[in-house]
Amino acid sequence: MKNKDFKDLLMGIDQARNIHAGKLKTGRVFKFNPNIVKRIRMKLHASQITFAHMIGVSVDTLQNWEQGRRRPEGPALALLKVAEANPRIVMEALHA
């Protein structure tokens, strides 16, 4: 690993520690609204079962997101953000 890359990595770890300790605010905060998931699904004219299979989650997980009991995280949240901006591109990319 190059010296600059290593220093950047250490700086990122230090920032993460400070954010976790409450000494530093996050740079970006993504707010999640459960209605977004249902809106995306409706734009695609997909049932819960079809949409869940399309994005690779269980129907129970999708229902929990839509009803606000749980929040998507990581790759699922990223995929939903892309789908919110352009649902058709996600549909085409996932060959649904």
N, C-alpha and C. Protein backbone atom coordinates (compact mmCIF):
# COMPACT_ATOMS: atom_id res chain seq x y z
N MET A 1 0.85 -1.17 0.00
CA MET A 1 0.00 0.00 0.00
C MET A 1 0.90 1.24 0.00
N LYS A 2 0.53 2.20 -0.81
CA LYS A 2 1.32 3.42 -0.89
C LYS A 2 1.14 4.24 0.38
N ASN A 3 2.14 5.02 0.70
CA ASN A 3 2.16 5.82 1.92
C ASN A 3 0.95 6.76 2.00
N LYS A 4 0.61 7.44 0.90
CA LYS A 4 -0.51 8.37 0.89
C LYS A 4 -1.83 7.63 1.14
N ASP A 5 -1.99 6.47 0.51
CA ASP A 5 -3.20 5.67 0.72
C ASP A 5 -3.33 5.25 2.18
N PHE A 6 -2.20 4.87 2.77
CA PHE A 6 -2.21 4.44 4.18
C PHE A 6 -2.59 5.60 5.08
N LYS A 7 -2.05 6.79 4.80
CA LYS A 7 -2.39 7.98 5.60
C LYS A 7 -3.87 8.32 5.45
N ASP A 8 -4.41 8.20 4.24
CA ASP A 8 -5.85 8.45 4.02
C ASP A 8 -6.70 7.46 4.80
N LEU A 9 -6.26 6.21 4.82
CA LEU A 9 -6.98 5.18 5.56
C LEU A 9 -6.98 5.50 7.06
N LEU A 10 -5.84 5.86 7.58
CA LEU A 10 -5.74 6.21 9.00
C LEU A 10 -6.61 7.43 9.33
N MET A 11 -6.63 8.41 8.43
CA MET A 11 -7.44 9.59 8.65
C MET A 11 -8.93 9.20 8.69
N GLY A 12 -9.34 8.30 7.79
CA GLY A 12 -10.73 7.84 7.77
C GLY A 12 -11.11 7.12 9.05
N ILE A 13 -10.21 6.29 9.54
CA ILE A 13 -10.47 5.57 10.80
C ILE A 13 -10.59 6.56 11.95
N ASP A 14 -9.72 7.56 11.97
CA ASP A 14 -9.77 8.58 13.02
C ASP A 14 -11.09 9.36 12.96
N GLN A 15 -11.53 9.70 11.76
CA GLN A 15 -12.81 10.39 11.61
C GLN A 15 -13.97 9.53 12.08
N ALA A 16 -13.92 8.24 11.75
CA ALA A 16 -14.99 7.33 12.18
C ALA A 16 -15.05 7.25 13.71
N ARG A 17 -13.90 7.20 14.34
CA ARG A 17 -13.86 7.19 15.82
C ARG A 17 -14.49 8.46 16.39
N ASN A 18 -14.13 9.60 15.81
CA ASN A 18 -14.67 10.87 16.31
C ASN A 18 -16.17 10.98 16.09
N ILE A 19 -16.66 10.47 14.98
CA ILE A 19 -18.10 10.47 14.72
C ILE A 19 -18.79 9.58 15.73
N HIS A 20 -18.23 8.40 15.96
CA HIS A 20 -18.82 7.46 16.91
C HIS A 20 -18.82 8.03 18.33
N ALA A 21 -17.80 8.78 18.68
CA ALA A 21 -17.70 9.38 20.01
C ALA A 21 -18.53 10.66 20.14
N GLY A 22 -19.12 11.12 19.03
CA GLY A 22 -19.93 12.34 19.07
C GLY A 22 -19.12 13.62 18.99
N LYS A 23 -17.85 13.51 18.66
CA LYS A 23 -16.99 14.69 18.56
C LYS A 23 -17.03 15.33 17.18
N LEU A 24 -17.57 14.62 16.22
CA LEU A 24 -17.60 15.08 14.84
C LEU A 24 -18.92 14.67 14.22
N LYS A 25 -19.50 15.55 13.42
CA LYS A 25 -20.75 15.22 12.73
C LYS A 25 -20.44 14.52 11.41
N THR A 26 -21.37 13.69 10.98
CA THR A 26 -21.18 12.99 9.71
C THR A 26 -21.27 13.97 8.55
N GLY A 27 -20.59 13.63 7.46
CA GLY A 27 -20.60 14.48 6.28
C GLY A 27 -21.91 14.39 5.51
N ARG A 28 -22.48 13.19 5.48
CA ARG A 28 -23.73 12.98 4.77
C ARG A 28 -24.64 12.13 5.65
N VAL A 29 -25.89 12.50 5.66
CA VAL A 29 -26.88 11.72 6.38
C VAL A 29 -28.01 11.41 5.42
N PHE A 30 -28.30 10.12 5.24
CA PHE A 30 -29.40 9.73 4.38
C PHE A 30 -30.62 9.46 5.24
N LYS A 31 -31.67 10.18 4.97
CA LYS A 31 -32.92 9.95 5.68
C LYS A 31 -33.75 8.98 4.86
N PHE A 32 -34.40 8.07 5.56
CA PHE A 32 -35.19 7.06 4.89
C PHE A 32 -36.66 7.27 5.21
N ASN A 33 -37.46 7.28 4.17
CA ASN A 33 -38.90 7.39 4.31
C ASN A 33 -39.51 6.09 3.77
N PRO A 34 -40.26 5.36 4.61
CA PRO A 34 -40.82 4.08 4.15
C PRO A 34 -41.69 4.20 2.90
N ASN A 35 -42.29 5.36 2.68
CA ASN A 35 -43.14 5.55 1.50
C ASN A 35 -42.35 5.46 0.20
N ILE A 36 -41.05 5.73 0.28
CA ILE A 36 -40.21 5.70 -0.92
C ILE A 36 -40.21 4.30 -1.53
N VAL A 37 -40.08 3.28 -0.68
CA VAL A 37 -40.01 1.90 -1.19
C VAL A 37 -41.29 1.55 -1.93
N LYS A 38 -42.41 1.87 -1.33
CA LYS A 38 -43.69 1.55 -1.97
C LYS A 38 -43.85 2.35 -3.27
N ARG A 39 -43.44 3.62 -3.24
CA ARG A 39 -43.54 4.46 -4.44
C ARG A 39 -42.71 3.88 -5.59
N ILE A 40 -41.50 3.43 -5.28
CA ILE A 40 -40.64 2.83 -6.30
C ILE A 40 -41.31 1.58 -6.86
N ARG A 41 -41.81 0.75 -5.96
CA ARG A 41 -42.46 -0.49 -6.37
C ARG A 41 -43.67 -0.21 -7.26
N MET A 42 -44.44 0.80 -6.90
CA MET A 42 -45.63 1.14 -7.67
C MET A 42 -45.25 1.69 -9.06
N LYS A 43 -44.16 2.46 -9.13
CA LYS A 43 -43.70 2.97 -10.43
C LYS A 43 -43.35 1.83 -11.37
N LEU A 44 -42.88 0.73 -10.80
CA LEU A 44 -42.51 -0.43 -11.60
C LEU A 44 -43.69 -1.37 -11.84
N HIS A 45 -44.84 -1.01 -11.29
CA HIS A 45 -46.04 -1.85 -11.42
C HIS A 45 -45.76 -3.27 -10.95
N ALA A 46 -45.04 -3.39 -9.83
CA ALA A 46 -44.65 -4.70 -9.32
C ALA A 46 -45.35 -5.00 -8.00
N SER A 47 -45.72 -6.25 -7.84
CA SER A 47 -46.27 -6.69 -6.55
C SER A 47 -45.14 -6.74 -5.53
N GLN A 48 -45.48 -6.89 -4.27
CA GLN A 48 -44.43 -7.01 -3.25
C GLN A 48 -43.55 -8.22 -3.53
N ILE A 49 -44.17 -9.32 -3.91
CA ILE A 49 -43.41 -10.54 -4.18
C ILE A 49 -42.44 -10.32 -5.34
N THR A 50 -42.93 -9.75 -6.43
CA THR A 50 -42.08 -9.52 -7.61
C THR A 50 -40.94 -8.56 -7.28
N PHE A 51 -41.26 -7.45 -6.61
CA PHE A 51 -40.23 -6.45 -6.30
C PHE A 51 -39.19 -7.03 -5.33
N ALA A 52 -39.65 -7.78 -4.34
CA ALA A 52 -38.71 -8.39 -3.39
C ALA A 52 -37.74 -9.31 -4.11
N HIS A 53 -38.25 -10.15 -5.00
CA HIS A 53 -37.38 -11.04 -5.77
C HIS A 53 -36.46 -10.24 -6.68
N MET A 54 -36.96 -9.17 -7.25
CA MET A 54 -36.19 -8.33 -8.17
C MET A 54 -34.95 -7.76 -7.48
N ILE A 55 -35.11 -7.30 -6.23
CA ILE A 55 -33.99 -6.65 -5.55
C ILE A 55 -33.26 -7.59 -4.59
N GLY A 56 -33.70 -8.84 -4.55
CA GLY A 56 -32.97 -9.85 -3.78
C GLY A 56 -33.19 -9.82 -2.29
N VAL A 57 -34.40 -9.48 -1.85
CA VAL A 57 -34.74 -9.52 -0.43
C VAL A 57 -35.99 -10.38 -0.24
N SER A 58 -36.25 -10.75 1.00
CA SER A 58 -37.45 -11.53 1.26
C SER A 58 -38.67 -10.61 1.24
N VAL A 59 -39.82 -11.19 1.04
CA VAL A 59 -41.06 -10.42 1.05
C VAL A 59 -41.26 -9.81 2.44
N ASP A 60 -40.94 -10.55 3.49
CA ASP A 60 -41.06 -10.02 4.85
C ASP A 60 -40.20 -8.78 5.04
N THR A 61 -38.98 -8.82 4.52
CA THR A 61 -38.08 -7.66 4.62
C THR A 61 -38.69 -6.46 3.90
N LEU A 62 -39.18 -6.67 2.70
CA LEU A 62 -39.80 -5.59 1.94
C LEU A 62 -40.99 -5.02 2.68
N GLN A 63 -41.83 -5.87 3.23
CA GLN A 63 -43.00 -5.41 3.97
C GLN A 63 -42.57 -4.61 5.21
N ASN A 64 -41.53 -5.06 5.88
CA ASN A 64 -41.03 -4.32 7.05
C ASN A 64 -40.53 -2.93 6.65
N TRP A 65 -39.86 -2.84 5.49
CA TRP A 65 -39.41 -1.53 5.01
C TRP A 65 -40.60 -0.64 4.70
N GLU A 66 -41.56 -1.18 3.97
CA GLU A 66 -42.71 -0.37 3.55
C GLU A 66 -43.54 0.09 4.75
N GLN A 67 -43.56 -0.69 5.81
CA GLN A 67 -44.35 -0.34 6.98
C GLN A 67 -43.54 0.40 8.03
N GLY A 68 -42.27 0.67 7.74
CA GLY A 68 -41.44 1.47 8.63
C GLY A 68 -40.94 0.73 9.87
N ARG A 69 -41.09 -0.59 9.91
CA ARG A 69 -40.61 -1.34 11.07
C ARG A 69 -39.11 -1.57 11.03
N ARG A 70 -38.56 -1.59 9.82
CA ARG A 70 -37.12 -1.75 9.62
C ARG A 70 -36.67 -0.79 8.55
N ARG A 71 -35.35 -0.58 8.48
CA ARG A 71 -34.77 0.30 7.48
C ARG A 71 -33.75 -0.48 6.64
N PRO A 72 -33.77 -0.26 5.32
CA PRO A 72 -32.75 -0.89 4.50
C PRO A 72 -31.39 -0.29 4.82
N GLU A 73 -30.35 -1.09 4.71
CA GLU A 73 -29.00 -0.62 4.99
C GLU A 73 -28.06 -1.05 3.88
N GLY A 74 -26.92 -0.44 3.84
CA GLY A 74 -25.84 -0.84 2.94
C GLY A 74 -26.26 -0.89 1.49
N PRO A 75 -25.94 -2.00 0.81
CA PRO A 75 -26.23 -2.12 -0.62
C PRO A 75 -27.72 -1.99 -0.95
N ALA A 76 -28.58 -2.49 -0.07
CA ALA A 76 -30.02 -2.38 -0.33
C ALA A 76 -30.46 -0.92 -0.36
N LEU A 77 -29.94 -0.13 0.57
CA LEU A 77 -30.28 1.30 0.60
C LEU A 77 -29.75 1.99 -0.65
N ALA A 78 -28.53 1.65 -1.05
CA ALA A 78 -27.96 2.24 -2.26
C ALA A 78 -28.80 1.89 -3.48
N LEU A 79 -29.19 0.63 -3.59
CA LEU A 79 -30.02 0.20 -4.73
C LEU A 79 -31.35 0.94 -4.74
N LEU A 80 -31.96 1.11 -3.57
CA LEU A 80 -33.23 1.83 -3.50
C LEU A 80 -33.06 3.30 -3.89
N LYS A 81 -31.94 3.91 -3.52
CA LYS A 81 -31.71 5.30 -3.90
C LYS A 81 -31.57 5.43 -5.42
N VAL A 82 -30.88 4.48 -6.03
CA VAL A 82 -30.77 4.49 -7.50
C VAL A 82 -32.14 4.25 -8.11
N ALA A 83 -32.88 3.30 -7.56
CA ALA A 83 -34.22 2.99 -8.08
C ALA A 83 -35.17 4.18 -7.92
N GLU A 84 -34.99 4.94 -6.85
CA GLU A 84 -35.82 6.13 -6.66
C GLU A 84 -35.56 7.15 -7.77
N ALA A 85 -34.29 7.31 -8.13
CA ALA A 85 -33.93 8.28 -9.16
C ALA A 85 -34.31 7.78 -10.56
N ASN A 86 -34.15 6.47 -10.79
CA ASN A 86 -34.44 5.94 -12.11
C ASN A 86 -34.86 4.47 -12.01
N PRO A 87 -36.13 4.24 -11.68
CA PRO A 87 -36.59 2.86 -11.48
C PRO A 87 -36.42 1.97 -12.70
N ARG A 88 -36.59 2.51 -13.88
CA ARG A 88 -36.48 1.69 -15.09
C ARG A 88 -35.08 1.14 -15.29
N ILE A 89 -34.08 1.96 -14.97
CA ILE A 89 -32.69 1.50 -15.16
C ILE A 89 -32.39 0.33 -14.24
N VAL A 90 -32.94 0.37 -13.03
CA VAL A 90 -32.74 -0.73 -12.10
C VAL A 90 -33.44 -1.97 -12.63
N MET A 91 -34.63 -1.80 -13.13
CA MET A 91 -35.39 -2.93 -13.68
C MET A 91 -34.64 -3.56 -14.84
N GLU A 92 -34.10 -2.72 -15.73
CA GLU A 92 -33.36 -3.24 -16.87
C GLU A 92 -32.06 -3.93 -16.41
N ALA A 93 -31.37 -3.31 -15.44
CA ALA A 93 -30.11 -3.87 -14.97
C ALA A 93 -30.31 -5.22 -14.29
N LEU A 94 -31.44 -5.37 -13.62
CA LEU A 94 -31.70 -6.63 -12.90
C LEU A 94 -32.46 -7.63 -13.76
N HIS A 95 -32.66 -7.29 -15.02
CA HIS A 95 -33.32 -8.16 -15.98
C HIS A 95 -34.70 -8.61 -15.51
N ALA A 96 -35.42 -7.69 -14.90
CA ALA A 96 -36.75 -8.05 -14.41
C ALA A 96 -37.80 -7.83 -15.47
